[in-house]
Amino acid sequence: MKKSTGRLDVIATPIGNLADLSARARRSLSEADLIAAEDTRHTLTLLHAIGVSRPLLSLHAHNESQRVPQVLAQLEAGSVVALVSDAGTPLLSDPGFELVREAASAGFEVRSIPGPSAITAALAVAGVPTGRFCFEGFLPARSRERRKALRELADEPRTLIFFEAPHRIAAALADLAAAFGAERRGVVARELTKMHETLHRGTAASLVEEFTARPPRGECTVVVGALR
C-alpha cells in the first residue's frame, strides 16, 4: 500500500541537447520540494537554463547510502523529491538504485518521468537488430578484467550495448575484436544529441583502426550487432 505522504520522481534529463527535456520533466523539476542530484553543479546549470530554482542535495555513488535516510525523512514529511543524474535516465549506469529501492520498500510513491537515454538513442540509429538486446554498462577500466568480461559475453546472441570513455575506446574495441572476432559488426555513437554527434559503423577491426588513428572526444556508446 502506498503512503499518502511524499513522492519520489525519477526524472530523465538531456544527454546533450537541452531541447530534449520534456515539458513534464520541466514541470516536475519546478514543482519539486527537493532535487537529489548526482552533481549539484551540473544540475544547477540545467536549472538556470530552464529558469528554475529549487533546493539541491548531492546524491552520488560515494554518498548514496548516507543520503537515503535524509531523503526518506523528506518523503515522510510529505515532500516531493526529484531524482536526477548528470545526463539521461537515473539508475542506468548512474546512482539512484538504493534510494528507489528503499523508497518503494517504505511504501512511498515512486514515479517515472521518462525521457532521454543514450541506450535507446544509440539503438534507434545503429541499424542492428533491436528485438532483443543486453546493456552491459561501462566495461572494466583495467585491460585484464575487460578482456575477461568480453570473453564471457562472446557467445551472447543478443545485441550488446556498452558505455566507454573516449580515452579507452580504442583499447576497448581492440579487446572486443579479440573476443568477438574482427568481422563482428558494430557502431560507436559519439556525442549523441550534441552538435558534433557522429556515428561510426563498421567491423570491429575497422573501428579499432579508425579510433586508434583518431582518438575521439566525448563519451561513446558502443552497439555490437546480434550474434545471430
C-alpha atoms as a PDB file:
ATOM      1  CA  MET A   1       0.000   0.000   0.000  1.00  0.00           C
ATOM      2  CA  LYS A   2       1.347   3.437  -0.957  1.00  0.00           C
ATOM      3  CA  LYS A   3       1.728   6.050   1.734  1.00  0.00           C
ATOM      4  CA  SER A   4      -0.259   9.246   1.311  1.00  0.00           C
ATOM      5  CA  THR A   5       2.782  11.375   2.090  1.00  0.00           C
ATOM      6  CA  GLY A   6       5.711  12.264  -0.137  1.00  0.00           C
ATOM      7  CA  ARG A   7       6.653  11.139  -3.624  1.00  0.00           C
ATOM      8  CA  LEU A   8       9.906  10.382  -5.418  1.00  0.00           C
ATOM      9  CA  ASP A   9      10.064  11.451  -9.079  1.00  0.00           C
ATOM     10  CA  VAL A  10      12.797   9.754 -11.126  1.00  0.00           C
ATOM     11  CA  ILE A  11      13.412  12.247 -13.921  1.00  0.00           C
ATOM     12  CA  ALA A  12      15.319  11.736 -17.171  1.00  0.00           C
ATOM     13  CA  THR A  13      17.312  14.799 -18.251  1.00  0.00           C
ATOM     14  CA  PRO A  14      19.004  15.633 -21.584  1.00  0.00           C
ATOM     15  CA  ILE A  15      22.124  13.726 -22.610  1.00  0.00           C
ATOM     16  CA  GLY A  16      23.339  16.710 -24.586  1.00  0.00           C
ATOM     17  CA  ASN A  17      20.598  18.680 -26.289  1.00  0.00           C
ATOM     18  CA  LEU A  18      18.607  20.816 -23.849  1.00  0.00           C
ATOM     19  CA  ALA A  19      15.601  20.763 -26.207  1.00  0.00           C
ATOM     20  CA  ASP A  20      15.138  17.101 -25.306  1.00  0.00           C
ATOM     21  CA  LEU A  21      13.944  17.993 -21.795  1.00  0.00           C
ATOM     22  CA  SER A  22      10.237  17.203 -21.822  1.00  0.00           C
ATOM     23  CA  ALA A  23       7.571  19.628 -20.662  1.00  0.00           C
ATOM     24  CA  ARG A  24       6.604  17.101 -17.996  1.00  0.00           C
ATOM     25  CA  ALA A  25      10.187  16.854 -16.700  1.00  0.00           C
ATOM     26  CA  ARG A  26      10.488  20.640 -16.620  1.00  0.00           C
ATOM     27  CA  ARG A  27       7.257  20.904 -14.639  1.00  0.00           C
ATOM     28  CA  SER A  28       8.287  18.164 -12.217  1.00  0.00           C
ATOM     29  CA  LEU A  29      11.625  19.850 -11.559  1.00  0.00           C
ATOM     30  CA  SER A  30       9.953  23.202 -10.963  1.00  0.00           C
ATOM     31  CA  GLU A  31       7.426  21.702  -8.537  1.00  0.00           C
ATOM     32  CA  ALA A  32       9.819  19.508  -6.524  1.00  0.00           C
ATOM     33  CA  ASP A  33      10.479  20.440  -2.916  1.00  0.00           C
ATOM     34  CA  LEU A  34      13.995  18.997  -3.210  1.00  0.00           C
ATOM     35  CA  ILE A  35      16.156  17.762  -6.100  1.00  0.00           C
ATOM     36  CA  ALA A  36      18.600  14.946  -5.356  1.00  0.00           C
ATOM     37  CA  ALA A  37      21.323  15.326  -7.995  1.00  0.00           C
ATOM     38  CA  GLU A  38      24.390  13.306  -8.962  1.00  0.00           C
ATOM     39  CA  ASP A  39      26.374  16.541  -9.320  1.00  0.00           C
ATOM     40  CA  THR A  40      24.645  19.624  -7.956  1.00  0.00           C
ATOM     41  CA  ARG A  41      26.821  21.945 -10.058  1.00  0.00           C
ATOM     42  CA  HIS A  42      25.791  20.189 -13.260  1.00  0.00           C
ATOM     43  CA  THR A  43      22.122  20.203 -12.297  1.00  0.00           C
ATOM     44  CA  LEU A  44      22.310  23.850 -11.241  1.00  0.00           C
ATOM     45  CA  THR A  45      23.437  24.698 -14.776  1.00  0.00           C
ATOM     46  CA  LEU A  46      20.410  22.852 -16.168  1.00  0.00           C
ATOM     47  CA  LEU A  47      18.039  24.589 -13.756  1.00  0.00           C
ATOM     48  CA  HIS A  48      19.453  28.005 -14.621  1.00  0.00           C
ATOM     49  CA  ALA A  49      18.967  27.242 -18.320  1.00  0.00           C
ATOM     50  CA  ILE A  50      15.266  26.468 -17.834  1.00  0.00           C
ATOM     51  CA  GLY A  51      14.645  29.257 -15.317  1.00  0.00           C
ATOM     52  CA  VAL A  52      14.026  27.031 -12.294  1.00  0.00           C
ATOM     53  CA  SER A  53      15.389  27.452  -8.766  1.00  0.00           C
ATOM     54  CA  ARG A  54      14.926  24.593  -6.275  1.00  0.00           C
ATOM     55  CA  PRO A  55      16.868  23.263  -3.250  1.00  0.00           C
ATOM     56  CA  LEU A  56      19.530  20.729  -4.229  1.00  0.00           C
ATOM     57  CA  LEU A  57      21.043  17.761  -2.424  1.00  0.00           C
ATOM     58  CA  SER A  58      24.026  15.817  -3.753  1.00  0.00           C
ATOM     59  CA  LEU A  59      23.396  12.085  -4.157  1.00  0.00           C
ATOM     60  CA  HIS A  60      26.100  10.156  -5.986  1.00  0.00           C
ATOM     61  CA  ALA A  61      27.827   6.785  -5.984  1.00  0.00           C
ATOM     62  CA  HIS A  62      30.016   7.637  -2.999  1.00  0.00           C
ATOM     63  CA  ASN A  63      27.377   9.042  -0.628  1.00  0.00           C
ATOM     64  CA  GLU A  64      24.075   7.432  -1.630  1.00  0.00           C
ATOM     65  CA  SER A  65      23.911   5.146   1.413  1.00  0.00           C
ATOM     66  CA  GLN A  66      24.328   8.138   3.713  1.00  0.00           C
ATOM     67  CA  ARG A  67      21.793  10.279   1.822  1.00  0.00           C
ATOM     68  CA  VAL A  68      18.972   7.740   1.683  1.00  0.00           C
ATOM     69  CA  PRO A  69      17.752   8.240   5.301  1.00  0.00           C
ATOM     70  CA  GLN A  70      17.758  12.012   4.748  1.00  0.00           C
ATOM     71  CA  VAL A  71      15.650  11.714   1.595  1.00  0.00           C
ATOM     72  CA  LEU A  72      13.291   9.212   3.225  1.00  0.00           C
ATOM     73  CA  ALA A  73      12.751  11.692   6.054  1.00  0.00           C
ATOM     74  CA  GLN A  74      11.819  14.318   3.473  1.00  0.00           C
ATOM     75  CA  LEU A  75       9.338  11.921   1.900  1.00  0.00           C
ATOM     76  CA  GLU A  76       7.882  11.078   5.305  1.00  0.00           C
ATOM     77  CA  ALA A  77       7.333  14.793   5.877  1.00  0.00           C
ATOM     78  CA  GLY A  78       5.296  14.959   2.667  1.00  0.00           C
ATOM     79  CA  SER A  79       7.909  16.399   0.297  1.00  0.00           C
ATOM     80  CA  VAL A  80       8.142  15.694  -3.404  1.00  0.00           C
ATOM     81  CA  VAL A  81      11.751  14.756  -4.175  1.00  0.00           C
ATOM     82  CA  ALA A  82      13.119  14.706  -7.721  1.00  0.00           C
ATOM     83  CA  LEU A  83      15.998  12.350  -8.523  1.00  0.00           C
ATOM     84  CA  VAL A  84      18.249  13.264 -11.468  1.00  0.00           C
ATOM     85  CA  SER A  85      21.637  12.173 -12.759  1.00  0.00           C
ATOM     86  CA  ASP A  86      24.071  14.273 -14.766  1.00  0.00           C
ATOM     87  CA  ALA A  87      22.545  13.114 -18.048  1.00  0.00           C
ATOM     88  CA  GLY A  88      19.922  10.676 -19.209  1.00  0.00           C
ATOM     89  CA  THR A  89      17.859   8.353 -17.048  1.00  0.00           C
ATOM     90  CA  PRO A  90      18.878   7.794 -13.399  1.00  0.00           C
ATOM     91  CA  LEU A  91      19.926   4.283 -12.317  1.00  0.00           C
ATOM     92  CA  LEU A  92      21.159   3.324 -15.824  1.00  0.00           C
ATOM     93  CA  SER A  93      24.891   3.296 -15.040  1.00  0.00           C
ATOM     94  CA  ASP A  94      24.074   6.168 -12.675  1.00  0.00           C
ATOM     95  CA  PRO A  95      23.245   6.451  -8.959  1.00  0.00           C
ATOM     96  CA  GLY A  96      19.763   6.049  -7.522  1.00  0.00           C
ATOM     97  CA  PHE A  97      19.106   2.314  -7.195  1.00  0.00           C
ATOM     98  CA  GLU A  98      19.415   2.233  -3.410  1.00  0.00           C
ATOM     99  CA  LEU A  99      17.180   5.275  -2.979  1.00  0.00           C
ATOM    100  CA  VAL A 100      14.474   3.949  -5.311  1.00  0.00           C
ATOM    101  CA  ARG A 101      14.565   0.527  -3.648  1.00  0.00           C
ATOM    102  CA  GLU A 102      14.278   1.939  -0.142  1.00  0.00           C
ATOM    103  CA  ALA A 103      11.593   4.479  -1.050  1.00  0.00           C
ATOM    104  CA  ALA A 104       9.471   1.819  -2.719  1.00  0.00           C
ATOM    105  CA  SER A 105      10.047  -0.603   0.158  1.00  0.00           C
ATOM    106  CA  ALA A 106       8.902   2.063   2.625  1.00  0.00           C
ATOM    107  CA  GLY A 107       5.662   2.459   0.688  1.00  0.00           C
ATOM    108  CA  PHE A 108       6.251   5.840  -0.923  1.00  0.00           C
ATOM    109  CA  GLU A 109       5.060   6.528  -4.444  1.00  0.00           C
ATOM    110  CA  VAL A 110       7.926   6.347  -6.955  1.00  0.00           C
ATOM    111  CA  ARG A 111       7.042   7.957 -10.265  1.00  0.00           C
ATOM    112  CA  SER A 112       8.957   7.728 -13.532  1.00  0.00           C
ATOM    113  CA  ILE A 113       9.316  10.842 -15.685  1.00  0.00           C
ATOM    114  CA  PRO A 114      10.774   9.194 -18.820  1.00  0.00           C
ATOM    115  CA  GLY A 115      12.955  10.828 -21.403  1.00  0.00           C
ATOM    116  CA  PRO A 116      16.457  10.761 -22.882  1.00  0.00           C
ATOM    117  CA  SER A 117      18.717   7.723 -22.620  1.00  0.00           C
ATOM    118  CA  ALA A 118      21.925   7.096 -24.547  1.00  0.00           C
ATOM    119  CA  ILE A 119      20.979   3.401 -24.669  1.00  0.00           C
ATOM    120  CA  THR A 120      17.776   3.815 -26.644  1.00  0.00           C
ATOM    121  CA  ALA A 121      19.154   6.759 -28.642  1.00  0.00           C
ATOM    122  CA  ALA A 122      22.064   4.635 -29.891  1.00  0.00           C
ATOM    123  CA  LEU A 123      19.883   1.606 -30.604  1.00  0.00           C
ATOM    124  CA  ALA A 124      17.465   3.711 -32.639  1.00  0.00           C
ATOM    125  CA  VAL A 125      20.133   4.729 -35.163  1.00  0.00           C
ATOM    126  CA  ALA A 126      22.591   1.821 -35.041  1.00  0.00           C
ATOM    127  CA  GLY A 127      20.928  -0.182 -37.793  1.00  0.00           C
ATOM    128  CA  VAL A 128      21.345  -3.504 -35.969  1.00  0.00           C
ATOM    129  CA  PRO A 129      18.665  -5.906 -34.677  1.00  0.00           C
ATOM    130  CA  THR A 130      16.914  -4.382 -31.666  1.00  0.00           C
ATOM    131  CA  GLY A 131      14.291  -7.003 -30.871  1.00  0.00           C
ATOM    132  CA  ARG A 132      16.482  -8.324 -28.057  1.00  0.00           C
ATOM    133  CA  PHE A 133      19.414  -6.516 -26.514  1.00  0.00           C
ATOM    134  CA  CYS A 134      21.612  -6.558 -23.437  1.00  0.00           C
ATOM    135  CA  PHE A 135      23.004  -3.442 -21.736  1.00  0.00           C
ATOM    136  CA  GLU A 136      26.341  -4.026 -20.002  1.00  0.00           C
ATOM    137  CA  GLY A 137      27.101  -0.502 -18.759  1.00  0.00           C
ATOM    138  CA  PHE A 138      30.759   0.512 -18.598  1.00  0.00           C
ATOM    139  CA  LEU A 139      33.320  -2.172 -19.310  1.00  0.00           C
ATOM    140  CA  PRO A 140      36.050  -2.615 -16.667  1.00  0.00           C
ATOM    141  CA  ALA A 141      38.777   0.009 -16.951  1.00  0.00           C
ATOM    142  CA  ARG A 142      41.630  -2.458 -16.499  1.00  0.00           C
ATOM    143  CA  SER A 143      42.519  -4.426 -19.607  1.00  0.00           C
ATOM    144  CA  ARG A 144      42.720  -7.817 -17.902  1.00  0.00           C
ATOM    145  CA  GLU A 145      39.266  -7.501 -16.327  1.00  0.00           C
ATOM    146  CA  ARG A 146      37.831  -6.023 -19.526  1.00  0.00           C
ATOM    147  CA  ARG A 147      39.088  -8.932 -21.628  1.00  0.00           C
ATOM    148  CA  LYS A 148      37.621 -11.419 -19.157  1.00  0.00           C
ATOM    149  CA  ALA A 149      34.243  -9.666 -19.231  1.00  0.00           C
ATOM    150  CA  LEU A 150      34.205  -9.642 -23.033  1.00  0.00           C
ATOM    151  CA  ARG A 151      35.191 -13.315 -23.286  1.00  0.00           C
ATOM    152  CA  GLU A 152      32.229 -14.158 -21.063  1.00  0.00           C
ATOM    153  CA  LEU A 153      29.950 -12.271 -23.488  1.00  0.00           C
ATOM    154  CA  ALA A 154      31.410 -13.726 -26.680  1.00  0.00           C
ATOM    155  CA  ASP A 155      28.545 -16.195 -27.149  1.00  0.00           C
ATOM    156  CA  GLU A 156      25.775 -13.764 -26.145  1.00  0.00           C
ATOM    157  CA  PRO A 157      23.300 -13.861 -29.078  1.00  0.00           C
ATOM    158  CA  ARG A 158      21.588 -10.537 -28.353  1.00  0.00           C
ATOM    159  CA  THR A 159      22.695  -7.089 -29.490  1.00  0.00           C
ATOM    160  CA  LEU A 160      25.054  -5.658 -26.875  1.00  0.00           C
ATOM    161  CA  ILE A 161      25.423  -2.082 -25.657  1.00  0.00           C
ATOM    162  CA  PHE A 162      28.327  -0.624 -23.699  1.00  0.00           C
ATOM    163  CA  PHE A 163      29.352   2.799 -22.470  1.00  0.00           C
ATOM    164  CA  GLU A 164      33.008   3.751 -22.850  1.00  0.00           C
ATOM    165  CA  ALA A 165      35.212   6.732 -22.077  1.00  0.00           C
ATOM    166  CA  PRO A 166      36.980   8.332 -25.068  1.00  0.00           C
ATOM    167  CA  HIS A 167      40.478   7.685 -23.752  1.00  0.00           C
ATOM    168  CA  ARG A 168      39.753   3.937 -23.501  1.00  0.00           C
ATOM    169  CA  ILE A 169      37.647   3.379 -26.613  1.00  0.00           C
ATOM    170  CA  ALA A 170      40.468   2.177 -28.903  1.00  0.00           C
ATOM    171  CA  ALA A 171      41.755  -0.329 -26.335  1.00  0.00           C
ATOM    172  CA  ALA A 172      38.231  -1.499 -25.540  1.00  0.00           C
ATOM    173  CA  LEU A 173      37.444  -2.038 -29.221  1.00  0.00           C
ATOM    174  CA  ALA A 174      40.696  -3.980 -29.671  1.00  0.00           C
ATOM    175  CA  ASP A 175      39.742  -6.257 -26.786  1.00  0.00           C
ATOM    176  CA  LEU A 176      36.237  -6.587 -28.244  1.00  0.00           C
ATOM    177  CA  ALA A 177      37.648  -7.605 -31.633  1.00  0.00           C
ATOM    178  CA  ALA A 178      39.835 -10.220 -29.969  1.00  0.00           C
ATOM    179  CA  ALA A 179      36.901 -11.666 -28.021  1.00  0.00           C
ATOM    180  CA  PHE A 180      34.116 -11.386 -30.617  1.00  0.00           C
ATOM    181  CA  GLY A 181      36.071 -11.648 -33.867  1.00  0.00           C
ATOM    182  CA  ALA A 182      37.449  -8.974 -36.165  1.00  0.00           C
ATOM    183  CA  GLU A 183      34.425  -9.125 -38.506  1.00  0.00           C
ATOM    184  CA  ARG A 184      31.725  -8.595 -35.866  1.00  0.00           C
ATOM    185  CA  ARG A 185      29.650  -5.576 -36.878  1.00  0.00           C
ATOM    186  CA  GLY A 186      29.290  -2.658 -34.543  1.00  0.00           C
ATOM    187  CA  VAL A 187      28.531   1.029 -34.144  1.00  0.00           C
ATOM    188  CA  VAL A 188      30.189   3.663 -31.981  1.00  0.00           C
ATOM    189  CA  ALA A 189      27.854   6.585 -31.272  1.00  0.00           C
ATOM    190  CA  ARG A 190      29.732   9.645 -30.043  1.00  0.00           C
ATOM    191  CA  GLU A 191      28.331  12.841 -28.522  1.00  0.00           C
ATOM    192  CA  LEU A 192      24.728  11.714 -29.026  1.00  0.00           C
ATOM    193  CA  THR A 193      22.240  14.602 -29.500  1.00  0.00           C
ATOM    194  CA  LYS A 194      25.043  17.196 -29.352  1.00  0.00           C
ATOM    195  CA  MET A 195      26.335  19.471 -32.098  1.00  0.00           C
ATOM    196  CA  HIS A 196      29.199  17.131 -33.012  1.00  0.00           C
ATOM    197  CA  GLU A 197      27.242  13.870 -32.877  1.00  0.00           C
ATOM    198  CA  THR A 198      28.853  11.208 -35.045  1.00  0.00           C
ATOM    199  CA  LEU A 199      28.073   7.572 -35.808  1.00  0.00           C
ATOM    200  CA  HIS A 200      30.883   5.222 -36.771  1.00  0.00           C
ATOM    201  CA  ARG A 201      29.794   1.957 -38.356  1.00  0.00           C
ATOM    202  CA  GLY A 202      31.943  -0.973 -39.380  1.00  0.00           C
ATOM    203  CA  THR A 203      33.582  -4.202 -38.320  1.00  0.00           C
ATOM    204  CA  ALA A 204      35.351  -4.466 -35.001  1.00  0.00           C
ATOM    205  CA  ALA A 205      38.672  -4.388 -36.854  1.00  0.00           C
ATOM    206  CA  SER A 206      37.828  -1.270 -38.872  1.00  0.00           C
ATOM    207  CA  LEU A 207      36.568   0.547 -35.780  1.00  0.00           C
ATOM    208  CA  VAL A 208      39.791  -0.258 -33.934  1.00  0.00           C
ATOM    209  CA  GLU A 209      41.777   1.184 -36.817  1.00  0.00           C
ATOM    210  CA  GLU A 210      39.624   4.299 -37.003  1.00  0.00           C
ATOM    211  CA  PHE A 211      39.734   5.169 -33.313  1.00  0.00           C
ATOM    212  CA  THR A 212      43.410   4.326 -32.937  1.00  0.00           C
ATOM    213  CA  ALA A 213      44.229   6.759 -35.728  1.00  0.00           C
ATOM    214  CA  ARG A 214      41.871   9.471 -34.439  1.00  0.00           C
ATOM    215  CA  PRO A 215      41.198   9.306 -30.696  1.00  0.00           C
ATOM    216  CA  PRO A 216      37.734  10.795 -30.071  1.00  0.00           C
ATOM    217  CA  ARG A 217      36.394  13.350 -27.658  1.00  0.00           C
ATOM    218  CA  GLY A 218      33.199  12.856 -25.727  1.00  0.00           C
ATOM    219  CA  GLU A 219      31.534   9.817 -24.204  1.00  0.00           C
ATOM    220  CA  CYS A 220      30.895   6.871 -26.503  1.00  0.00           C
ATOM    221  CA  THR A 221      28.063   4.366 -26.696  1.00  0.00           C
ATOM    222  CA  VAL A 222      29.099   1.114 -28.359  1.00  0.00           C
ATOM    223  CA  VAL A 223      26.499  -1.116 -30.003  1.00  0.00           C
ATOM    224  CA  VAL A 224      27.561  -4.603 -31.088  1.00  0.00           C
ATOM    225  CA  GLY A 225      25.282  -6.362 -33.547  1.00  0.00           C
ATOM    226  CA  ALA A 226      23.496  -9.544 -32.520  1.00  0.00           C
ATOM    227  CA  LEU A 227      25.445 -12.736 -32.995  1.00  0.00           C
ATOM    228  CA  ARG A 228      22.539 -14.226 -34.920  1.00  0.00           C
END
